Amino acid sequence: MATKSTDRTLDVREIDGPPFDDIMAALDDLEAGQRLRLIAPFEPKPLYEVLDDRGFTHESEKREGGVWHVRIDRA
C-alpha cells in the first residue's frame, strides 16, 4: 500500500485573534508523512522556537505582498 504525502494548509489571516492555539491543534492533527503549510501576514518568529522544542522543522519564505509561507515538517 502506497502512502501519499499531503500538505495541510492553515491560513492564519482568516483567524480572528491570536492563531497560536489553532496552529498547535493543526500540528497535533498531522498524520505521518503530512506537513503543514502555514500562511501568515507576518513572519511568525516566536513560533520557530516552539516548533524546535516540539520536534518540528520549518522553512519560511516571504512571498509577494508580504505574505509568509512556512512549511512545517516533523523532524
Protein backbone atom coordinates (compact mmCIF):
# COMPACT_ATOMS: atom_id res chain seq x y z
CA MET A 1 0.00 0.00 0.00
CA ALA A 2 1.50 3.32 -1.06
CA THR A 3 1.45 6.26 1.31
CA LYS A 4 0.78 9.67 -0.13
CA SER A 5 2.36 12.78 1.36
CA THR A 6 -0.18 15.56 1.60
CA ASP A 7 0.14 19.13 2.75
CA ARG A 8 -2.40 20.61 5.11
CA THR A 9 -2.82 24.37 4.88
CA LEU A 10 -3.66 26.77 7.67
CA ASP A 11 -4.18 30.39 6.65
CA VAL A 12 -3.97 32.38 9.88
CA ARG A 13 -5.09 35.53 8.08
CA GLU A 14 -8.61 34.07 8.39
CA ILE A 15 -8.40 33.62 12.18
CA ASP A 16 -9.88 36.25 14.49
CA GLY A 17 -7.47 36.70 17.39
CA PRO A 18 -4.13 35.05 18.23
CA PRO A 19 -3.58 32.00 15.99
CA PHE A 20 -1.23 30.07 18.31
CA ASP A 21 -3.80 27.55 19.59
CA ASP A 22 -5.08 26.92 16.05
CA ILE A 23 -1.54 26.28 14.84
CA MET A 24 -0.80 23.85 17.68
CA ALA A 25 -4.09 22.00 17.06
CA ALA A 26 -3.26 21.68 13.35
CA LEU A 27 0.19 20.30 14.19
CA ASP A 28 -1.30 17.80 16.64
CA ASP A 29 -3.67 16.59 13.89
CA LEU A 30 -0.89 15.89 11.39
CA GLU A 31 -0.58 12.28 10.35
CA ALA A 32 2.68 10.55 9.45
CA GLY A 33 4.06 11.99 6.22
CA GLN A 34 1.92 15.10 6.34
CA ARG A 35 3.29 18.60 6.61
CA LEU A 36 1.61 21.86 7.49
CA ARG A 37 1.78 24.89 5.23
CA LEU A 38 1.17 27.97 7.35
CA ILE A 39 0.18 31.22 5.62
CA ALA A 40 0.63 34.37 7.70
CA PRO A 41 0.63 38.15 7.15
CA PHE A 42 3.92 38.41 9.09
CA GLU A 43 6.93 36.22 9.82
CA PRO A 44 5.92 34.11 12.85
CA LYS A 45 9.33 34.28 14.54
CA PRO A 46 8.04 33.45 18.07
CA LEU A 47 6.66 30.19 16.66
CA TYR A 48 10.04 28.91 15.49
CA GLU A 49 11.39 28.15 18.97
CA VAL A 50 8.17 26.34 19.90
CA LEU A 51 8.45 24.25 16.73
CA ASP A 52 12.06 23.37 17.53
CA ASP A 53 11.13 22.39 21.09
CA ARG A 54 8.30 20.13 19.83
CA GLY A 55 10.42 18.32 17.25
CA PHE A 56 9.39 20.12 14.07
CA THR A 57 11.49 21.70 11.34
CA HIS A 58 10.41 24.67 9.27
CA GLU A 59 11.24 26.60 6.12
CA SER A 60 9.96 30.15 5.74
CA GLU A 61 9.52 32.15 2.57
CA LYS A 62 8.32 35.72 2.16
CA ARG A 63 6.12 35.98 -0.90
CA GLU A 64 4.58 38.78 -2.91
CA GLY A 65 2.53 41.21 -0.87
CA GLY A 66 4.48 40.49 2.32
CA VAL A 67 2.70 37.19 2.95
CA TRP A 68 4.75 34.48 4.65
CA HIS A 69 4.53 30.78 3.82
CA VAL A 70 6.03 28.45 6.42
CA ARG A 71 6.37 24.75 5.65
CA ILE A 72 6.42 22.71 8.86
CA ASP A 73 7.56 19.07 9.00
CA ARG A 74 8.14 16.61 11.82
CA ALA A 75 11.88 16.39 12.44
